[in-house]
Amino acid sequence: MADASPDLGPLEIAVMEILWTRGECNVHDVGERLGRPLAYTTVMTTLDRLFKKGLLDRRKSERAFFYSPHLSRREWEHQRADQVVAGFLAGPRQASELLISRLVEAVGPKDQALLNELERKIKLKRRELERRRKA
């Protein structure tokens, strides 16, 4: 897999949404479900690009390819989040602090329960790291 969670354009995201919802489809099936007229070759090229990015699996049946998601939506979102966080953590200390600060600021006023869950996970991670350190 070349890149498990690359940036996707609007058409690629629309195609992935169809495949996550419907499962395995061929080019014609995807084109019909896009909700806008696109050339068959445009849909085919988009599916091929997603396959080459490692996001789709494909199998050949007679003369048509059938595509299915290589990753579930949740797995893809998880990998995207990992990339964003890793990018911030790889930068200077200020970038890491900014990430944490913005996360707390963005979550706090909107969802107290999510903020509480964040605090709970931090405590669990601290205990885990402490156990590892002592072992």
Protein backbone atom coordinates (compact mmCIF):
# COMPACT_ATOMS: atom_id res chain seq x y z
CA MET A 1 0.00 0.00 0.00
CA ALA A 2 1.62 3.23 -1.12
CA ASP A 3 -0.11 5.61 1.27
CA ALA A 4 -2.91 4.38 3.50
CA SER A 5 -4.50 7.76 4.09
CA PRO A 6 -3.64 10.28 1.41
CA ASP A 7 -5.45 13.55 0.94
CA LEU A 8 -8.47 13.04 -1.25
CA GLY A 9 -10.26 15.42 -3.56
CA PRO A 10 -14.04 15.95 -3.51
CA LEU A 11 -14.74 13.39 -6.27
CA GLU A 12 -12.51 10.80 -4.61
CA ILE A 13 -14.30 11.32 -1.30
CA ALA A 14 -17.69 10.97 -3.02
CA VAL A 15 -16.55 7.72 -4.63
CA MET A 16 -15.24 6.38 -1.31
CA GLU A 17 -18.55 7.26 0.37
CA ILE A 18 -20.41 5.24 -2.25
CA LEU A 19 -18.15 2.24 -1.78
CA TRP A 20 -18.23 2.45 2.02
CA THR A 21 -22.03 2.53 1.86
CA ARG A 22 -22.73 0.11 -0.99
CA GLY A 23 -19.74 -2.22 -0.89
CA GLU A 24 -18.28 -3.66 -4.06
CA CYS A 25 -19.22 -1.78 -7.26
CA ASN A 26 -18.07 -1.50 -10.84
CA VAL A 27 -17.43 1.76 -12.70
CA HIS A 28 -20.99 1.93 -14.02
CA ASP A 29 -22.51 1.42 -10.54
CA VAL A 30 -20.38 4.17 -9.03
CA GLY A 31 -21.13 6.56 -11.90
CA GLU A 32 -24.88 6.08 -11.46
CA ARG A 33 -24.71 6.81 -7.73
CA LEU A 34 -22.61 9.96 -7.95
CA GLY A 35 -25.67 12.11 -8.52
CA ARG A 36 -24.11 14.16 -11.30
CA PRO A 37 -23.26 13.35 -14.90
CA LEU A 38 -19.64 12.37 -15.34
CA ALA A 39 -17.89 10.64 -18.20
CA TYR A 40 -17.36 6.92 -17.71
CA THR A 41 -13.62 7.45 -18.15
CA THR A 42 -13.57 10.07 -15.37
CA VAL A 43 -15.14 7.62 -12.92
CA MET A 44 -12.83 4.85 -14.14
CA THR A 45 -9.74 7.03 -13.70
CA THR A 46 -10.85 8.09 -10.21
CA LEU A 47 -11.37 4.47 -9.15
CA ASP A 48 -8.00 3.51 -10.61
CA ARG A 49 -6.29 6.37 -8.73
CA LEU A 50 -7.91 5.27 -5.47
CA PHE A 51 -6.75 1.72 -6.16
CA LYS A 52 -3.19 2.92 -6.79
CA LYS A 53 -3.30 4.95 -3.55
CA GLY A 54 -4.08 1.70 -1.74
CA LEU A 55 -7.58 2.68 -0.69
CA LEU A 56 -9.44 0.22 -2.91
CA ASP A 57 -9.16 -3.44 -3.71
CA ARG A 58 -10.24 -4.61 -7.14
CA ARG A 59 -11.02 -7.83 -8.87
CA LYS A 60 -11.63 -8.52 -12.52
CA SER A 61 -14.77 -10.29 -13.65
CA GLU A 62 -14.78 -10.88 -17.37
CA ARG A 63 -14.04 -7.43 -18.83
CA ALA A 64 -15.02 -5.27 -15.83
CA PHE A 65 -13.22 -4.39 -12.63
CA PHE A 66 -15.12 -4.43 -9.36
CA TYR A 67 -13.85 -2.17 -6.59
CA SER A 68 -14.27 -2.38 -2.83
CA PRO A 69 -12.78 -0.35 0.02
CA HIS A 70 -9.48 -1.66 1.35
CA LEU A 71 -10.11 0.22 4.61
CA SER A 72 -13.33 0.87 6.45
CA ARG A 73 -14.33 4.50 6.86
CA ARG A 74 -13.30 4.29 10.53
CA GLU A 75 -9.88 2.82 9.69
CA TRP A 76 -9.28 5.54 7.10
CA GLU A 77 -10.31 8.29 9.53
CA HIS A 78 -8.06 6.77 12.19
CA GLN A 79 -5.07 6.81 9.86
CA ARG A 80 -5.81 10.39 8.79
CA ALA A 81 -5.96 11.48 12.43
CA ASP A 82 -2.68 9.65 13.12
CA GLN A 83 -1.02 11.54 10.26
CA VAL A 84 -2.23 14.94 11.47
CA VAL A 85 -1.11 14.29 15.04
CA ALA A 86 2.23 12.81 13.94
CA GLY A 87 2.84 15.88 11.78
CA PHE A 88 2.32 18.21 14.73
CA LEU A 89 4.40 16.08 17.08
CA ALA A 90 7.27 15.91 14.60
CA GLY A 91 7.49 19.70 14.54
CA PRO A 92 8.81 22.09 17.15
CA ARG A 93 7.50 21.91 20.74
CA GLN A 94 5.25 24.93 20.07
CA ALA A 95 3.40 22.96 17.37
CA SER A 96 2.65 20.14 19.83
CA GLU A 97 1.42 22.60 22.42
CA LEU A 98 -0.72 24.34 19.80
CA LEU A 99 -2.31 21.02 18.81
CA ILE A 100 -3.24 20.21 22.41
CA SER A 101 -4.47 23.72 23.11
CA ARG A 102 -6.65 23.88 19.97
CA LEU A 103 -8.07 20.41 20.63
CA VAL A 104 -9.17 21.36 24.14
CA GLU A 105 -10.50 24.72 22.96
CA ALA A 106 -12.44 23.16 20.09
CA VAL A 107 -13.96 20.36 22.16
CA GLY A 108 -14.62 22.12 25.47
CA PRO A 109 -17.55 24.40 24.70
CA LYS A 110 -19.23 21.95 22.32
CA ASP A 111 -19.09 18.67 24.16
CA GLN A 112 -18.41 18.38 27.88
CA ALA A 113 -18.72 14.58 27.72
CA LEU A 114 -16.03 14.40 25.03
CA LEU A 115 -13.77 16.63 27.12
CA ASN A 116 -14.32 14.28 30.08
CA GLU A 117 -13.49 11.30 27.86
CA LEU A 118 -10.28 13.02 26.77
CA GLU A 119 -9.33 13.51 30.42
CA ARG A 120 -10.12 9.85 31.20
CA LYS A 121 -7.95 8.63 28.32
CA ILE A 122 -5.07 10.84 29.44
CA LYS A 123 -5.23 9.33 32.92
CA LEU A 124 -5.30 5.79 31.51
CA LYS A 125 -2.33 6.51 29.27
CA ARG A 126 -0.35 7.96 32.18
CA ARG A 127 -1.00 4.80 34.25
CA GLU A 128 0.02 2.59 31.32
CA LEU A 129 3.26 4.53 30.80
CA GLU A 130 4.00 4.40 34.52
CA ARG A 131 3.54 0.60 34.56
CA ARG A 132 5.85 0.25 31.57
CA ARG A 133 8.46 2.44 33.21
CA LYS A 134 8.42 0.29 36.37
CA ALA A 135 8.55 -3.01 34.47
